[in-house]
C-alpha atoms as a PDB file:
ATOM      1  CA  MET A   1     -10.292  61.474 -10.880  1.00  0.00           C
ATOM      2  CA  LYS A   2      -8.373  58.712  -9.245  1.00  0.00           C
ATOM      3  CA  PRO A   3      -8.761  58.261  -5.553  1.00  0.00           C
ATOM      4  CA  LYS A   4      -5.710  59.053  -3.540  1.00  0.00           C
ATOM      5  CA  LYS A   5      -3.758  56.186  -2.035  1.00  0.00           C
ATOM      6  CA  THR A   6      -3.954  56.264   1.667  1.00  0.00           C
ATOM      7  CA  THR A   7      -1.533  54.821   4.137  1.00  0.00           C
ATOM      8  CA  LYS A   8      -4.029  52.007   4.870  1.00  0.00           C
ATOM      9  CA  ASP A   9      -3.842  50.800   1.233  1.00  0.00           C
ATOM     10  CA  THR A  10      -0.068  50.608   1.303  1.00  0.00           C
ATOM     11  CA  GLU A  11      -0.131  48.870   4.682  1.00  0.00           C
ATOM     12  CA  LEU A  12      -2.476  46.177   3.312  1.00  0.00           C
ATOM     13  CA  SER A  13      -0.260  45.505   0.304  1.00  0.00           C
ATOM     14  CA  ASN A  14       2.788  45.255   2.570  1.00  0.00           C
ATOM     15  CA  ASP A  15       0.915  42.805   4.842  1.00  0.00           C
ATOM     16  CA  ALA A  16       0.247  40.520   1.856  1.00  0.00           C
ATOM     17  CA  ASN A  17       3.978  40.363   1.112  1.00  0.00           C
ATOM     18  CA  LEU A  18       4.791  39.622   4.750  1.00  0.00           C
ATOM     19  CA  ASP A  19       2.428  36.609   4.836  1.00  0.00           C
ATOM     20  CA  ALA A  20       4.741  34.728   2.507  1.00  0.00           C
ATOM     21  CA  ASP A  21       7.652  35.187   4.919  1.00  0.00           C
ATOM     22  CA  LEU A  22       5.780  34.231   8.093  1.00  0.00           C
ATOM     23  CA  PRO A  23       6.531  30.926   9.804  1.00  0.00           C
ATOM     24  CA  THR A  24       4.049  28.068   9.613  1.00  0.00           C
ATOM     25  CA  SER A  25       0.923  28.651  11.660  1.00  0.00           C
ATOM     26  CA  LYS A  26       0.250  26.763  14.862  1.00  0.00           C
ATOM     27  CA  THR A  27      -2.817  25.186  13.285  1.00  0.00           C
ATOM     28  CA  LYS A  28      -0.817  23.786  10.400  1.00  0.00           C
ATOM     29  CA  LEU A  29       1.914  22.537  12.736  1.00  0.00           C
ATOM     30  CA  LYS A  30      -0.732  20.845  14.895  1.00  0.00           C
ATOM     31  CA  ALA A  31      -2.293  19.181  11.829  1.00  0.00           C
ATOM     32  CA  GLU A  32       1.117  17.896  10.705  1.00  0.00           C
ATOM     33  CA  ALA A  33       1.840  16.585  14.206  1.00  0.00           C
ATOM     34  CA  ASP A  34      -1.529  14.820  14.276  1.00  0.00           C
ATOM     35  CA  ALA A  35      -0.802  13.242  10.883  1.00  0.00           C
ATOM     36  CA  GLN A  36       2.572  11.978  12.113  1.00  0.00           C
ATOM     37  CA  GLN A  37       0.953  10.603  15.250  1.00  0.00           C
ATOM     38  CA  ALA A  38      -1.748   8.857  13.183  1.00  0.00           C
ATOM     39  CA  LEU A  39       0.974   7.304  11.031  1.00  0.00           C
ATOM     40  CA  GLY A  40       2.701   6.029  14.171  1.00  0.00           C
ATOM     41  CA  VAL A  41      -0.568   4.498  15.364  1.00  0.00           C
ATOM     42  CA  LYS A  42      -1.045   2.869  11.954  1.00  0.00           C
ATOM     43  CA  LEU A  43       2.456   1.397  12.228  1.00  0.00           C
ATOM     44  CA  SER A  44       1.644  -0.059  15.638  1.00  0.00           C
ATOM     45  CA  ALA A  45      -1.175  -2.085  14.057  1.00  0.00           C
ATOM     46  CA  LEU A  46       1.237  -3.825  11.653  1.00  0.00           C
ATOM     47  CA  SER A  47       2.803  -7.223  12.236  1.00  0.00           C
ATOM     48  CA  LYS A  48       6.444  -7.512  13.272  1.00  0.00           C
ATOM     49  CA  ASP A  49       7.403  -8.919   9.842  1.00  0.00           C
ATOM     50  CA  LYS A  50       5.977  -5.909   8.022  1.00  0.00           C
ATOM     51  CA  LEU A  51       7.634  -3.530  10.474  1.00  0.00           C
ATOM     52  CA  ASN A  52      11.001  -5.148   9.779  1.00  0.00           C
ATOM     53  CA  LYS A  53      10.470  -4.663   6.031  1.00  0.00           C
ATOM     54  CA  LEU A  54      10.049  -0.906   6.559  1.00  0.00           C
ATOM     55  CA  ASN A  55      13.637  -0.422   7.824  1.00  0.00           C
ATOM     56  CA  LEU A  56      12.565   1.867  10.662  1.00  0.00           C
ATOM     57  CA  PRO A  57      15.131   3.471  12.980  1.00  0.00           C
ATOM     58  CA  GLU A  58      15.810   1.322  16.056  1.00  0.00           C
ATOM     59  CA  ASP A  59      14.199   3.683  18.590  1.00  0.00           C
ATOM     60  CA  LEU A  60      11.043   4.054  16.496  1.00  0.00           C
ATOM     61  CA  LEU A  61      10.782   0.292  15.923  1.00  0.00           C
ATOM     62  CA  THR A  62      11.138  -0.338  19.660  1.00  0.00           C
ATOM     63  CA  ALA A  63       8.483   2.273  20.473  1.00  0.00           C
ATOM     64  CA  VAL A  64       6.066   0.836  17.903  1.00  0.00           C
ATOM     65  CA  LEU A  65       6.532  -2.678  19.274  1.00  0.00           C
ATOM     66  CA  GLU A  66       6.002  -1.430  22.845  1.00  0.00           C
ATOM     67  CA  THR A  67       2.684   0.139  21.836  1.00  0.00           C
ATOM     68  CA  LYS A  68       0.997  -3.267  21.794  1.00  0.00           C
ATOM     69  CA  LYS A  69       1.961  -3.874  25.434  1.00  0.00           C
ATOM     70  CA  ILE A  70       0.405  -0.658  26.825  1.00  0.00           C
ATOM     71  CA  THR A  71      -3.162  -0.947  28.119  1.00  0.00           C
ATOM     72  CA  ALA A  72      -3.863   2.117  30.311  1.00  0.00           C
ATOM     73  CA  ASN A  73      -5.709   4.915  28.491  1.00  0.00           C
ATOM     74  CA  GLY A  74      -3.484   7.740  29.719  1.00  0.00           C
ATOM     75  CA  ALA A  75      -0.364   5.763  28.911  1.00  0.00           C
ATOM     76  CA  ILE A  76      -1.678   4.985  25.421  1.00  0.00           C
ATOM     77  CA  ARG A  77      -2.286   8.690  24.774  1.00  0.00           C
ATOM     78  CA  ARG A  78       1.203   9.660  25.986  1.00  0.00           C
ATOM     79  CA  HIS A  79       2.814   6.870  23.994  1.00  0.00           C
ATOM     80  CA  ARG A  80       0.989   7.981  20.823  1.00  0.00           C
ATOM     81  CA  GLN A  81       2.361  11.471  21.341  1.00  0.00           C
ATOM     82  CA  TYR A  82       5.831   9.974  21.768  1.00  0.00           C
ATOM     83  CA  LEU A  83       5.372   8.034  18.516  1.00  0.00           C
ATOM     84  CA  GLY A  84       4.354  11.267  16.805  1.00  0.00           C
ATOM     85  CA  ARG A  85       7.505  12.991  18.050  1.00  0.00           C
ATOM     86  CA  LEU A  86       9.684  10.145  16.796  1.00  0.00           C
ATOM     87  CA  MET A  87       7.878  10.177  13.431  1.00  0.00           C
ATOM     88  CA  ARG A  88       8.607  13.905  12.997  1.00  0.00           C
ATOM     89  CA  GLU A  89      12.341  13.164  13.153  1.00  0.00           C
ATOM     90  CA  ILE A  90      12.368  10.861  10.097  1.00  0.00           C
ATOM     91  CA  ASP A  91      11.363  11.029   6.437  1.00  0.00           C
ATOM     92  CA  THR A  92       7.943   9.391   6.300  1.00  0.00           C
ATOM     93  CA  ALA A  93       7.436   9.392   2.517  1.00  0.00           C
ATOM     94  CA  PRO A  94       8.857   5.864   1.942  1.00  0.00           C
ATOM     95  CA  ILE A  95       6.797   4.529   4.859  1.00  0.00           C
ATOM     96  CA  ILE A  96       3.582   6.049   3.522  1.00  0.00           C
ATOM     97  CA  GLU A  97       4.333   4.702   0.039  1.00  0.00           C
ATOM     98  CA  GLN A  98       4.915   1.168   1.324  1.00  0.00           C
ATOM     99  CA  LEU A  99       1.789   1.270   3.490  1.00  0.00           C
ATOM    100  CA  SER A 100      -0.302   2.346   0.502  1.00  0.00           C
ATOM    101  CA  ARG A 101       1.142  -0.576  -1.487  1.00  0.00           C
ATOM    102  CA  TRP A 102       0.201  -2.987   1.286  1.00  0.00           C
ATOM    103  CA  GLU A 103      -3.269  -1.497   1.523  1.00  0.00           C
ATOM    104  CA  GLY A 104      -3.771  -2.140  -2.184  1.00  0.00           C
ATOM    105  CA  LYS A 105      -3.822   1.495  -3.235  1.00  0.00           C
ATOM    106  CA  ASN A 106      -0.919   1.071  -5.611  1.00  0.00           C
ATOM    107  CA  THR A 107      -2.225   1.023  -9.173  1.00  0.00           C
ATOM    108  CA  ALA A 108       0.653  -1.011 -10.609  1.00  0.00           C
ATOM    109  CA  GLU A 109       0.132  -3.713  -8.031  1.00  0.00           C
ATOM    110  CA  ASN A 110      -3.620  -3.659  -8.643  1.00  0.00           C
ATOM    111  CA  ALA A 111      -3.052  -4.043 -12.377  1.00  0.00           C
ATOM    112  CA  TYR A 112      -0.717  -6.968 -11.694  1.00  0.00           C
ATOM    113  CA  PHE A 113      -3.330  -8.720  -9.548  1.00  0.00           C
ATOM    114  CA  HIS A 114      -6.067  -8.075 -12.112  1.00  0.00           C
ATOM    115  CA  GLY A 115      -3.830  -9.610 -14.749  1.00  0.00           C
ATOM    116  CA  LEU A 116      -3.367 -12.707 -12.590  1.00  0.00           C
ATOM    117  CA  GLU A 117      -7.132 -12.919 -12.164  1.00  0.00           C
ATOM    118  CA  ARG A 118      -7.562 -12.765 -15.946  1.00  0.00           C
ATOM    119  CA  TRP A 119      -5.021 -15.581 -16.363  1.00  0.00           C
ATOM    120  CA  ARG A 120      -6.859 -17.660 -13.790  1.00  0.00           C
ATOM    121  CA  ASP A 121     -10.239 -17.093 -15.426  1.00  0.00           C
ATOM    122  CA  ARG A 122      -8.841 -17.864 -18.880  1.00  0.00           C
ATOM    123  CA  MET A 123      -7.259 -21.084 -17.619  1.00  0.00           C
ATOM    124  CA  ILE A 124     -10.538 -22.226 -16.102  1.00  0.00           C
ATOM    125  CA  ASN A 125     -12.585 -21.369 -19.217  1.00  0.00           C
ATOM    126  CA  ASP A 126     -10.102 -21.902 -22.082  1.00  0.00           C
ATOM    127  CA  PRO A 127      -8.075 -25.146 -22.390  1.00  0.00           C
ATOM    128  CA  ASN A 128      -5.375 -23.413 -24.510  1.00  0.00           C
ATOM    129  CA  ALA A 129      -4.606 -20.774 -21.883  1.00  0.00           C
ATOM    130  CA  LEU A 130      -2.622 -23.209 -19.738  1.00  0.00           C
ATOM    131  CA  SER A 131      -0.219 -24.025 -22.576  1.00  0.00           C
ATOM    132  CA  GLU A 132       0.242 -20.284 -23.261  1.00  0.00           C
ATOM    133  CA  PHE A 133       1.081 -19.677 -19.604  1.00  0.00           C
ATOM    134  CA  ILE A 134       3.511 -22.609 -19.494  1.00  0.00           C
ATOM    135  CA  ALA A 135       5.227 -21.255 -22.619  1.00  0.00           C
ATOM    136  CA  LEU A 136       5.765 -17.942 -20.799  1.00  0.00           C
ATOM    137  CA  HIS A 137       6.803 -19.615 -17.517  1.00  0.00           C
ATOM    138  CA  PRO A 138       8.504 -22.963 -18.285  1.00  0.00           C
ATOM    139  CA  SER A 139       9.328 -23.701 -14.633  1.00  0.00           C
ATOM    140  CA  THR A 140       5.610 -24.080 -13.846  1.00  0.00           C
ATOM    141  CA  ASP A 141       4.423 -27.350 -12.312  1.00  0.00           C
ATOM    142  CA  SER A 142       1.844 -28.050 -15.003  1.00  0.00           C
ATOM    143  CA  GLN A 143       0.393 -31.137 -13.315  1.00  0.00           C
ATOM    144  CA  GLN A 144      -0.458 -29.222 -10.128  1.00  0.00           C
ATOM    145  CA  LEU A 145      -1.972 -26.393 -12.142  1.00  0.00           C
ATOM    146  CA  ARG A 146      -4.050 -28.806 -14.279  1.00  0.00           C
ATOM    147  CA  THR A 147      -5.408 -30.475 -11.154  1.00  0.00           C
ATOM    148  CA  LEU A 148      -6.378 -27.124  -9.626  1.00  0.00           C
ATOM    149  CA  ILE A 149      -8.060 -26.045 -12.871  1.00  0.00           C
ATOM    150  CA  ARG A 150     -10.052 -29.274 -13.047  1.00  0.00           C
ATOM    151  CA  ASN A 151     -11.119 -28.874  -9.392  1.00  0.00           C
ATOM    152  CA  ALA A 152     -12.083 -25.227  -9.968  1.00  0.00           C
ATOM    153  CA  GLN A 153     -14.262 -26.237 -12.934  1.00  0.00           C
ATOM    154  CA  LYS A 154     -15.992 -28.904 -10.813  1.00  0.00           C
ATOM    155  CA  GLU A 155     -16.535 -26.420  -7.967  1.00  0.00           C
ATOM    156  CA  HIS A 156     -18.037 -23.900 -10.377  1.00  0.00           C
ATOM    157  CA  LEU A 157     -20.471 -26.472 -11.805  1.00  0.00           C
ATOM    158  CA  ALA A 158     -21.486 -27.631  -8.312  1.00  0.00           C
ATOM    159  CA  ASN A 159     -21.905 -24.005  -7.060  1.00  0.00           C
ATOM    160  CA  LYS A 160     -19.345 -24.615  -4.315  1.00  0.00           C
ATOM    161  CA  PRO A 161     -17.019 -21.971  -2.847  1.00  0.00           C
ATOM    162  CA  PRO A 162     -14.092 -21.203  -5.193  1.00  0.00           C
ATOM    163  CA  LYS A 163     -11.358 -22.813  -3.077  1.00  0.00           C
ATOM    164  CA  SER A 164      -9.366 -24.172  -6.027  1.00  0.00           C
ATOM    165  CA  SER A 165      -9.778 -20.907  -7.903  1.00  0.00           C
ATOM    166  CA  ARG A 166      -8.110 -19.108  -4.994  1.00  0.00           C
ATOM    167  CA  GLU A 167      -5.353 -21.720  -4.963  1.00  0.00           C
ATOM    168  CA  ILE A 168      -4.749 -21.117  -8.686  1.00  0.00           C
ATOM    169  CA  PHE A 169      -4.393 -17.400  -8.032  1.00  0.00           C
ATOM    170  CA  LYS A 170      -1.881 -18.020  -5.211  1.00  0.00           C
ATOM    171  CA  LEU A 171       0.109 -20.391  -7.401  1.00  0.00           C
ATOM    172  CA  LEU A 172       0.146 -17.915 -10.313  1.00  0.00           C
ATOM    173  CA  ARG A 173       1.333 -15.177  -7.968  1.00  0.00           C
ATOM    174  CA  GLU A 174       4.155 -17.387  -6.671  1.00  0.00           C
ATOM    175  CA  ILE A 175       5.212 -18.360 -10.188  1.00  0.00           C
ATOM    176  CA  THR A 176       5.179 -14.833 -11.611  1.00  0.00           C
ATOM    177  CA  SER A 177       6.745 -13.119  -8.589  1.00  0.00           C
ATOM    178  CA  SER A 178       9.673 -15.510  -8.134  1.00  0.00           C
ATOM    179  CA  GLY A 179      12.776 -13.913  -9.589  1.00  0.00           C
ATOM    180  CA  THR A 180      10.951 -11.095 -11.375  1.00  0.00           C
ATOM    181  CA  SER A 181       9.190  -7.917 -10.415  1.00  0.00           C
ATOM    182  CA  ALA A 182       5.514  -7.194 -10.838  1.00  0.00           C
ATOM    183  CA  ALA A 183       6.250  -4.471 -13.376  1.00  0.00           C
ATOM    184  CA  THR A 184       8.029  -6.827 -15.777  1.00  0.00           C
ATOM    185  CA  GLU A 185       5.335  -9.457 -15.441  1.00  0.00           C
ATOM    186  CA  GLU A 186       2.575  -7.075 -16.497  1.00  0.00           C
ATOM    187  CA  SER A 187       3.744  -7.419 -20.081  1.00  0.00           C
ATOM    188  CA  ASP A 188       3.190 -11.191 -19.847  1.00  0.00           C
ATOM    189  CA  LEU A 189      -0.384 -10.804 -18.660  1.00  0.00           C
ATOM    190  CA  PRO A 190      -3.287 -11.086 -21.122  1.00  0.00           C
ATOM    191  CA  GLU A 191      -5.125  -8.022 -22.330  1.00  0.00           C
ATOM    192  CA  GLU A 192      -8.684  -7.271 -21.223  1.00  0.00           C
ATOM    193  CA  GLU A 193     -11.204  -8.775 -23.582  1.00  0.00           C
END
């Protein structure tokens, strides 16, 4: 025999359907507000140049810049809450994406930098790598690059800090990023060996 359905059983099944229609809980709203406030605090730690690159609304940009001037604890707390309120009024997805790129969490950018490191290491260890790179990037100042490579080799043999090696990396980044995007340059980078 099947047990009879009671009114409690039907009430429970109706409650499950109602949960889908309920508004967001206070706990979830509080967590979202805290996340927005934390994002505002993270923005206040950025330099003015980076803030300008984010294309923030004028009132938010002003509030973020004012954050650095506030020193009193109570005022800091209130201002963070104000930042959180302003952050809730805008779409934060592009901001979060750009911040992750700047923090080095973007895999395409990481792959690009690893490719530059491979070029640098090949140039220091393989004399033919420089001519390959110049063939790909004809506007390269080959004399400057040769000098840096020679200095990097000397530094490596003398167990000195890799100052010239870092300079090579910076120069390669300038050469490959000027006029082209990182995504198109990845195809020019050497494969892992």
